Amino acid sequence: MNIDKIKKDFPILENRKITYLDSAATTQKPVQVIKKIEEFYEKYNANPHRGAYSLSTEATEIYENTRTKISKFINAKYREEIIFSKNATESVNLIAYSYGMDNLKKDDEVVISIMEHHSNLVPWQKVTKDTESKLKYMYINDNFEISDEEIQSKITDKTKIVGITHVSNVLGTINNVKKIIKYAHKKGAIVIVDASQSIPHMKIDVQDLDADFLVFSGHKILAPLGIGVMYGKIEILNKMTPFLMGGDMIEYVYEQDTTFAPLPNKFEAGTQNVEGVIGLGAAIDYIESIGYDQISKIEKDIITYARQELLKLDYLILYLTPNEKNHSGVMSFNIKGVHSHDVASILDSEGVCVRSRKSLCTATYEVFGYRFNL
């Protein structure tokens, strides 16, 4: 594979003299995605599901065909299990309010990991307070992993909901979500998987995982900003109340009552981010044209080399699991005695883009625009 040729698919890497290492925050977009969005506006722009004229019908077909494509991409059983959202944050909020508020009661427990992005943490703080249920955390060990003992001690018969990130956006740790799901189901809990940091790196099969819900943001997988996906098992979604009310999620409206449309429309109120959906479909096509096997091979070579070289620097502290099989692309580090914001600013002066946090720097190595983290 000619990586230099593929890298040319990303206009920003041609137009700016930068080394972009922040794909964990958002990926750059290949020209194939950009062109697909342009094509939609030039040839098919209309509001899906709103008109009987041919242009609207064509827009609806493109929109719904992308839903089918995504369902196949993550191996959902039914296309109606794919709900479009703004991002993973909105997807988790949808679950928290539409499922959590209706199903949690006093003294029930919600269990999440300490690795969670705030998007899969803050909503549960509010929902557990409002329902008088309890929020518990699974903590990591010295290897930045969640042990079996921690899983079994925190997920109990009182646990109703488990939220777990597939890959930590700070540490790069790959959690064994299949094991967590199996144990949680044995205790009668449902599981929400945040796949935002994993789906750019690895093939996901929701049926094999047996996930009840799975969420991700398109912009972290080469798609536009402002488009996300929520997968949910159809039997759960059918019982949930809508999160947002308004156009296209209704069946009939009367003066004092309303009936709701069937899935997936029930959770897609208002005019959707159609260009985002189109771009997400094009991003999936692009990734599949390269193939996860090739992506994994390149990533493994880069991460192995990065570990080897960075560990030689005695002024640098790395935060990652020693088990390479349990580590994805993200690498967080500190430079001893230097604030992370200063490190990021100095690197920026050399055209290197990294993420800086209050105490960490996170670098994401970009190979042909795809997210490989250092």
Protein backbone atom coordinates (compact mmCIF):
# COMPACT_ATOMS: atom_id res chain seq x y z
CA MET A 1 0.00 0.00 0.00
CA ASN A 2 1.33 3.42 -1.02
CA ILE A 3 0.83 5.42 2.18
CA ASP A 4 2.17 8.66 0.67
CA LYS A 5 -0.43 8.43 -2.08
CA ILE A 6 -3.25 7.83 0.40
CA LYS A 7 -2.07 10.70 2.58
CA LYS A 8 -2.72 12.96 -0.40
CA ASP A 9 -6.41 12.16 0.03
CA PHE A 10 -6.42 14.62 2.95
CA PRO A 11 -6.42 18.21 1.61
CA ILE A 12 -5.54 19.85 4.94
CA LEU A 13 -2.32 17.83 5.14
CA GLU A 14 -1.44 19.16 1.70
CA ASN A 15 -2.48 22.75 2.41
CA ARG A 16 -0.92 23.18 5.86
CA LYS A 17 2.64 22.47 6.97
CA ILE A 18 1.62 20.54 10.05
CA THR A 19 2.09 17.20 11.70
CA TYR A 20 -1.40 16.50 12.98
CA LEU A 21 -1.31 14.31 16.09
CA ASP A 22 -4.75 15.04 17.55
CA SER A 23 -7.05 12.64 15.74
CA ALA A 24 -8.34 11.34 19.07
CA ALA A 25 -10.10 14.72 19.32
CA THR A 26 -11.19 14.80 15.68
CA THR A 27 -9.89 13.25 12.48
CA GLN A 28 -9.11 15.13 9.30
CA LYS A 29 -11.41 14.42 6.37
CA PRO A 30 -10.43 12.65 3.14
CA VAL A 31 -11.38 14.22 -0.15
CA GLN A 32 -13.75 11.32 -0.79
CA VAL A 33 -15.87 12.44 2.15
CA ILE A 34 -15.70 16.11 1.19
CA LYS A 35 -16.70 15.38 -2.41
CA LYS A 36 -19.62 13.21 -1.34
CA ILE A 37 -21.04 16.09 0.70
CA GLU A 38 -20.56 18.47 -2.22
CA GLU A 39 -22.33 16.01 -4.51
CA PHE A 40 -25.32 15.83 -2.19
CA TYR A 41 -25.77 19.60 -2.14
CA GLU A 42 -25.20 19.93 -5.86
CA LYS A 43 -27.54 17.12 -6.95
CA TYR A 44 -29.81 15.83 -4.20
CA ASN A 45 -30.43 18.52 -1.58
CA ALA A 46 -33.93 18.21 -0.14
CA ASN A 47 -35.43 17.38 3.24
CA PRO A 48 -35.72 13.57 3.66
CA HIS A 49 -39.14 12.16 4.60
CA ARG A 50 -40.81 15.53 4.00
CA GLY A 51 -41.88 15.56 0.35
CA ALA A 52 -43.54 13.35 -2.26
CA TYR A 53 -41.60 14.95 -5.13
CA SER A 54 -38.67 13.07 -6.69
CA LEU A 55 -35.87 15.21 -5.24
CA SER A 56 -37.06 14.64 -1.67
CA THR A 57 -37.55 10.96 -2.42
CA GLU A 58 -33.97 10.70 -3.68
CA ALA A 59 -32.64 12.49 -0.58
CA THR A 60 -34.64 10.10 1.61
CA GLU A 61 -33.22 7.10 -0.23
CA ILE A 62 -29.63 8.31 0.20
CA TYR A 63 -30.22 9.05 3.89
CA GLU A 64 -31.84 5.70 4.63
CA ASN A 65 -29.33 3.73 2.53
CA THR A 66 -26.62 5.13 4.80
CA ARG A 67 -28.50 3.83 7.83
CA THR A 68 -28.47 0.39 6.23
CA LYS A 69 -24.75 0.72 5.49
CA ILE A 70 -23.99 1.58 9.13
CA SER A 71 -26.11 -1.30 10.40
CA LYS A 72 -24.05 -3.68 8.28
CA PHE A 73 -20.82 -1.96 9.30
CA ILE A 74 -21.40 -2.79 12.99
CA ASN A 75 -23.47 -5.93 12.25
CA ALA A 76 -26.72 -4.74 13.80
CA LYS A 77 -29.55 -7.22 13.43
CA TYR A 78 -32.02 -4.60 12.18
CA ARG A 79 -31.42 -1.30 10.37
CA GLU A 80 -34.03 0.30 12.66
CA GLU A 81 -31.57 -0.17 15.54
CA ILE A 82 -29.42 2.66 14.10
CA ILE A 83 -30.40 6.09 15.42
CA PHE A 84 -28.68 9.23 14.12
CA SER A 85 -27.67 11.83 16.69
CA LYS A 86 -25.41 14.86 16.89
CA ASN A 87 -22.54 12.93 18.50
CA ALA A 88 -21.78 10.28 21.13
CA THR A 89 -22.57 12.81 23.86
CA GLU A 90 -26.12 13.28 22.61
CA SER A 91 -26.47 9.53 22.17
CA VAL A 92 -25.56 8.86 25.81
CA ASN A 93 -27.90 11.63 26.98
CA LEU A 94 -30.69 10.06 24.94
CA ILE A 95 -30.11 6.75 26.72
CA ALA A 96 -29.76 8.39 30.14
CA TYR A 97 -33.02 10.31 29.88
CA SER A 98 -35.16 7.95 27.78
CA TYR A 99 -34.02 4.71 29.41
CA GLY A 100 -32.36 5.70 32.69
CA MET A 101 -35.06 8.02 34.00
CA ASP A 102 -37.80 5.47 33.29
CA ASN A 103 -36.02 2.37 34.58
CA LEU A 104 -33.95 3.42 37.60
CA LYS A 105 -35.47 3.60 41.04
CA LYS A 106 -34.24 4.33 44.56
CA ASP A 107 -31.13 2.35 45.57
CA ASP A 108 -30.58 0.89 42.10
CA GLU A 109 -27.00 1.22 40.90
CA VAL A 110 -25.32 2.56 37.77
CA VAL A 111 -21.74 1.38 37.30
CA ILE A 112 -19.25 3.13 35.02
CA SER A 113 -15.46 3.07 34.79
CA ILE A 114 -13.21 5.84 36.05
CA MET A 115 -11.88 6.02 32.45
CA GLU A 116 -15.14 7.37 31.07
CA HIS A 117 -15.29 10.50 28.98
CA HIS A 118 -17.41 13.14 30.74
CA SER A 119 -20.12 12.39 28.17
CA ASN A 120 -20.62 8.97 29.75
CA LEU A 121 -20.27 10.27 33.31
CA VAL A 122 -22.05 13.59 33.86
CA PRO A 123 -25.44 12.41 32.54
CA TRP A 124 -25.36 9.53 35.03
CA GLN A 125 -24.56 11.90 37.89
CA LYS A 126 -27.76 13.81 37.17
CA VAL A 127 -29.96 10.80 36.43
CA THR A 128 -28.88 8.92 39.57
CA LYS A 129 -29.53 12.01 41.69
CA ASP A 130 -32.96 12.53 40.14
CA THR A 131 -33.95 8.88 40.58
CA GLU A 132 -32.26 8.45 43.99
CA SER A 133 -30.17 5.62 42.58
CA LYS A 134 -26.42 5.30 43.12
CA LEU A 135 -23.43 5.89 40.86
CA LYS A 136 -20.44 3.58 41.34
CA TYR A 137 -17.06 3.42 39.63
CA MET A 138 -14.79 0.63 38.45
CA TYR A 139 -11.22 1.79 39.12
CA ILE A 140 -8.05 0.93 37.25
CA ASN A 141 -5.00 -0.89 38.61
CA ASP A 142 -1.33 0.08 38.30
CA ASN A 143 -1.32 -1.21 34.72
CA PHE A 144 -4.17 1.19 33.78
CA GLU A 145 -6.58 -1.74 33.35
CA ILE A 146 -9.83 -2.83 35.01
CA SER A 147 -9.23 -6.13 36.78
CA ASP A 148 -11.71 -9.03 36.89
CA GLU A 149 -11.92 -8.56 40.65
CA GLU A 150 -12.95 -4.92 40.19
CA ILE A 151 -15.63 -5.87 37.67
CA GLN A 152 -17.08 -8.55 39.93
CA SER A 153 -17.01 -6.44 43.08
CA LYS A 154 -18.70 -3.39 41.52
CA ILE A 155 -21.32 -4.99 39.26
CA THR A 156 -23.84 -6.58 41.62
CA ASP A 157 -27.46 -7.69 41.71
CA LYS A 158 -28.36 -4.03 42.37
CA THR A 159 -26.70 -2.88 39.14
CA LYS A 160 -29.18 -1.88 36.44
CA ILE A 161 -26.95 0.00 33.99
CA VAL A 162 -23.25 -0.36 33.14
CA GLY A 163 -21.44 2.25 31.04
CA ILE A 164 -18.02 1.37 29.67
CA THR A 165 -15.64 2.90 27.16
CA HIS A 166 -14.26 0.40 24.68
CA VAL A 167 -10.98 2.32 24.42
CA SER A 168 -9.92 5.03 26.87
CA ASN A 169 -9.52 8.41 25.17
CA VAL A 170 -6.74 9.30 27.66
CA LEU A 171 -4.86 6.05 28.25
CA GLY A 172 -5.55 4.06 25.10
CA THR A 173 -6.43 1.02 27.22
CA ILE A 174 -8.65 -1.47 25.40
CA ASN A 175 -11.25 -2.72 27.84
CA ASN A 176 -12.58 -6.25 27.54
CA VAL A 177 -16.13 -5.05 26.94
CA LYS A 178 -17.35 -8.50 25.88
CA LYS A 179 -16.38 -9.91 29.28
CA ILE A 180 -17.96 -6.95 31.09
CA ILE A 181 -21.18 -7.28 29.06
CA LYS A 182 -21.42 -11.00 29.78
CA TYR A 183 -20.96 -10.49 33.52
CA ALA A 184 -23.35 -7.53 33.64
CA HIS A 185 -26.04 -9.51 31.84
CA LYS A 186 -25.63 -12.31 34.34
CA LYS A 187 -26.48 -9.73 37.02
CA GLY A 188 -29.47 -8.45 35.06
CA ALA A 189 -27.96 -5.12 33.95
CA ILE A 190 -27.93 -3.53 30.50
CA VAL A 191 -24.63 -2.24 29.05
CA ILE A 192 -23.80 0.93 27.11
CA VAL A 193 -20.53 0.79 25.15
CA ASP A 194 -18.81 4.03 24.13
CA ALA A 195 -17.02 3.06 20.91
CA SER A 196 -15.90 6.57 19.94
CA GLN A 197 -12.20 5.76 20.35
CA SER A 198 -12.36 2.14 19.22
CA ILE A 199 -14.34 2.16 15.98
CA PRO A 200 -11.61 4.01 14.02
CA HIS A 201 -9.16 1.24 14.97
CA MET A 202 -11.01 -2.04 14.97
CA LYS A 203 -13.99 -3.88 13.54
CA ILE A 204 -17.00 -3.84 15.86
CA ASP A 205 -19.74 -6.47 15.86
CA VAL A 206 -22.56 -5.47 18.20
CA GLN A 207 -24.19 -8.89 18.01
CA ASP A 208 -20.96 -10.65 18.95
CA LEU A 209 -20.43 -8.22 21.83
CA ASP A 210 -24.11 -8.55 22.78
CA ALA A 211 -24.11 -4.81 23.58
CA ASP A 212 -27.47 -3.35 24.56
CA PHE A 213 -26.40 0.11 23.38
CA LEU A 214 -23.33 1.32 21.50
CA VAL A 215 -22.50 4.92 20.63
CA PHE A 216 -19.88 6.72 18.58
CA SER A 217 -19.15 10.09 16.96
CA GLY A 218 -18.63 10.32 13.21
CA HIS A 219 -15.97 13.01 13.37
CA LYS A 220 -13.55 10.56 15.02
CA ILE A 221 -13.86 8.17 12.10
CA LEU A 222 -13.13 10.58 9.21
CA ALA A 223 -16.72 11.85 8.92
CA PRO A 224 -17.96 15.44 9.39
CA LEU A 225 -18.49 17.13 12.73
CA GLY A 226 -21.97 17.00 14.22
CA ILE A 227 -23.04 13.47 13.31
CA GLY A 228 -23.24 10.55 15.73
CA VAL A 229 -24.77 7.12 16.01
CA MET A 230 -26.67 5.34 18.75
CA TYR A 231 -27.21 1.62 18.32
CA GLY A 232 -29.76 -0.04 20.58
CA LYS A 233 -31.34 -3.46 20.66
CA ILE A 234 -34.71 -3.18 18.99
CA GLU A 235 -36.64 -4.71 21.88
CA ILE A 236 -35.24 -2.04 24.23
CA LEU A 237 -35.73 0.87 21.82
CA ASN A 238 -39.36 -0.06 21.23
CA LYS A 239 -40.09 0.29 24.96
CA MET A 240 -38.26 3.62 25.38
CA THR A 241 -39.96 7.01 25.33
CA PRO A 242 -38.69 9.63 22.85
CA PHE A 243 -35.92 11.99 23.92
CA LEU A 244 -36.82 14.94 21.65
CA MET A 245 -40.27 15.86 20.40
CA GLY A 246 -41.21 17.43 17.09
CA GLY A 247 -41.19 16.98 13.34
CA ASP A 248 -40.80 13.51 11.82
CA MET A 249 -40.93 11.60 15.11
CA ILE A 250 -44.70 11.79 15.26
CA GLU A 251 -47.36 9.56 13.73
CA TYR A 252 -50.55 11.55 14.45
CA VAL A 253 -50.98 14.83 16.31
CA TYR A 254 -54.26 15.78 18.01
CA GLU A 255 -54.99 18.85 20.09
CA GLN A 256 -54.31 17.10 23.39
CA ASP A 257 -52.36 13.99 22.41
CA THR A 258 -49.80 12.63 19.98
CA THR A 259 -48.80 9.17 18.81
CA PHE A 260 -45.18 8.50 17.90
CA ALA A 261 -43.68 7.13 14.70
CA PRO A 262 -42.07 3.70 14.74
CA LEU A 263 -38.31 3.17 14.88
CA PRO A 264 -36.00 4.74 13.95
CA ASN A 265 -38.00 7.95 13.38
CA LYS A 266 -39.22 7.97 16.99
CA PHE A 267 -35.79 9.20 18.10
CA GLU A 268 -35.00 11.52 15.18
CA ALA A 269 -37.03 14.66 15.76
CA GLY A 270 -36.65 17.59 13.40
CA THR A 271 -34.57 18.01 10.27
CA GLN A 272 -31.48 15.86 10.60
CA ASN A 273 -27.84 16.54 9.75
CA VAL A 274 -28.22 14.94 6.35
CA GLU A 275 -24.83 16.05 5.06
CA GLY A 276 -23.26 14.50 8.16
CA VAL A 277 -25.02 11.21 7.50
CA ILE A 278 -23.86 11.27 3.87
CA GLY A 279 -20.31 12.06 4.98
CA LEU A 280 -20.37 9.25 7.54
CA GLY A 281 -21.38 6.80 4.85
CA ALA A 282 -18.51 7.97 2.66
CA ALA A 283 -16.08 7.70 5.59
CA ILE A 284 -17.14 4.08 6.15
CA ASP A 285 -16.60 3.36 2.45
CA TYR A 286 -13.13 4.88 2.71
CA ILE A 287 -12.15 2.83 5.76
CA GLU A 288 -13.45 -0.37 4.20
CA SER A 289 -11.49 0.35 1.02
CA ILE A 290 -8.31 0.31 3.11
CA GLY A 291 -9.41 -2.48 5.45
CA TYR A 292 -9.08 -2.89 9.21
CA ASP A 293 -6.42 -5.59 8.76
CA GLN A 294 -4.15 -3.13 6.97
CA ILE A 295 -4.95 -0.39 9.46
CA SER A 296 -4.15 -2.67 12.40
CA LYS A 297 -0.86 -3.78 10.86
CA ILE A 298 0.35 -0.22 10.33
CA GLU A 299 -0.80 0.85 13.77
CA LYS A 300 0.93 -2.07 15.49
CA ASP A 301 4.23 -1.24 13.79
CA ILE A 302 3.99 2.43 14.77
CA ILE A 303 2.95 1.81 18.38
CA THR A 304 5.65 -0.81 18.91
CA TYR A 305 8.28 1.60 17.59
CA ALA A 306 6.87 4.49 19.63
CA ARG A 307 6.94 2.50 22.86
CA GLN A 308 10.48 1.41 22.20
CA GLU A 309 11.80 4.89 21.48
CA LEU A 310 9.82 6.92 24.00
CA LEU A 311 10.75 4.63 26.86
CA LYS A 312 14.38 5.55 26.22
CA LEU A 313 13.71 9.19 27.23
CA ASP A 314 14.34 9.53 30.94
CA TYR A 315 12.71 12.99 31.08
CA LEU A 316 9.40 11.66 29.74
CA ILE A 317 6.73 9.80 31.73
CA LEU A 318 4.42 7.50 29.75
CA TYR A 319 0.98 6.45 30.96
CA LEU A 320 0.02 3.20 29.25
CA THR A 321 -0.56 -0.44 29.96
CA PRO A 322 2.54 -2.66 29.58
CA ASN A 323 0.40 -5.21 27.73
CA GLU A 324 0.51 -4.13 24.08
CA LYS A 325 -2.49 -6.32 23.25
CA ASN A 326 -4.62 -4.20 25.61
CA HIS A 327 -3.44 -0.87 24.18
CA SER A 328 -4.81 1.06 21.24
CA GLY A 329 -3.34 4.19 19.68
CA VAL A 330 -3.53 6.92 22.33
CA MET A 331 -0.31 7.63 24.20
CA SER A 332 -0.34 10.10 27.09
CA PHE A 333 2.81 11.51 28.57
CA ASN A 334 4.33 14.20 30.74
CA ILE A 335 7.65 15.96 30.36
CA LYS A 336 9.13 16.16 33.84
CA GLY A 337 9.05 19.67 35.25
CA VAL A 338 7.19 21.17 32.27
CA HIS A 339 3.49 22.01 32.15
CA SER A 340 1.60 20.14 29.44
CA HIS A 341 0.27 23.39 27.94
CA ASP A 342 3.84 24.62 27.52
CA VAL A 343 4.83 21.36 25.84
CA ALA A 344 1.92 21.66 23.43
CA SER A 345 2.74 25.32 22.67
CA ILE A 346 6.38 24.54 21.96
CA LEU A 347 5.42 21.66 19.68
CA ASP A 348 2.90 23.92 17.93
CA SER A 349 5.68 26.37 17.14
CA GLU A 350 7.21 23.54 15.10
CA GLY A 351 3.92 22.72 13.39
CA VAL A 352 3.12 19.71 15.58
CA CYS A 353 -0.47 19.43 16.84
CA VAL A 354 -1.00 17.55 20.11
CA ARG A 355 -3.71 17.57 22.74
CA SER A 356 -2.76 19.11 26.09
CA ARG A 357 -4.66 18.51 29.28
CA LYS A 358 -4.07 19.86 32.77
CA SER A 359 -1.45 17.24 33.49
CA LEU A 360 -0.97 15.23 30.31
CA CYS A 361 -0.06 15.56 26.67
CA THR A 362 -1.80 13.19 24.27
CA ALA A 363 -0.39 12.69 20.82
CA THR A 364 -2.16 11.01 17.94
CA TYR A 365 -0.01 10.03 15.01
CA GLU A 366 -1.65 10.57 11.66
CA VAL A 367 -0.95 8.14 8.84
CA PHE A 368 -2.80 8.96 5.59
CA GLY A 369 -5.26 10.93 7.67
CA TYR A 370 -6.24 7.90 9.69
CA ARG A 371 -5.95 7.95 13.43
CA PHE A 372 -2.79 6.25 14.73
CA ASN A 373 -1.79 7.60 18.11
CA LEU A 374 1.64 8.24 19.61
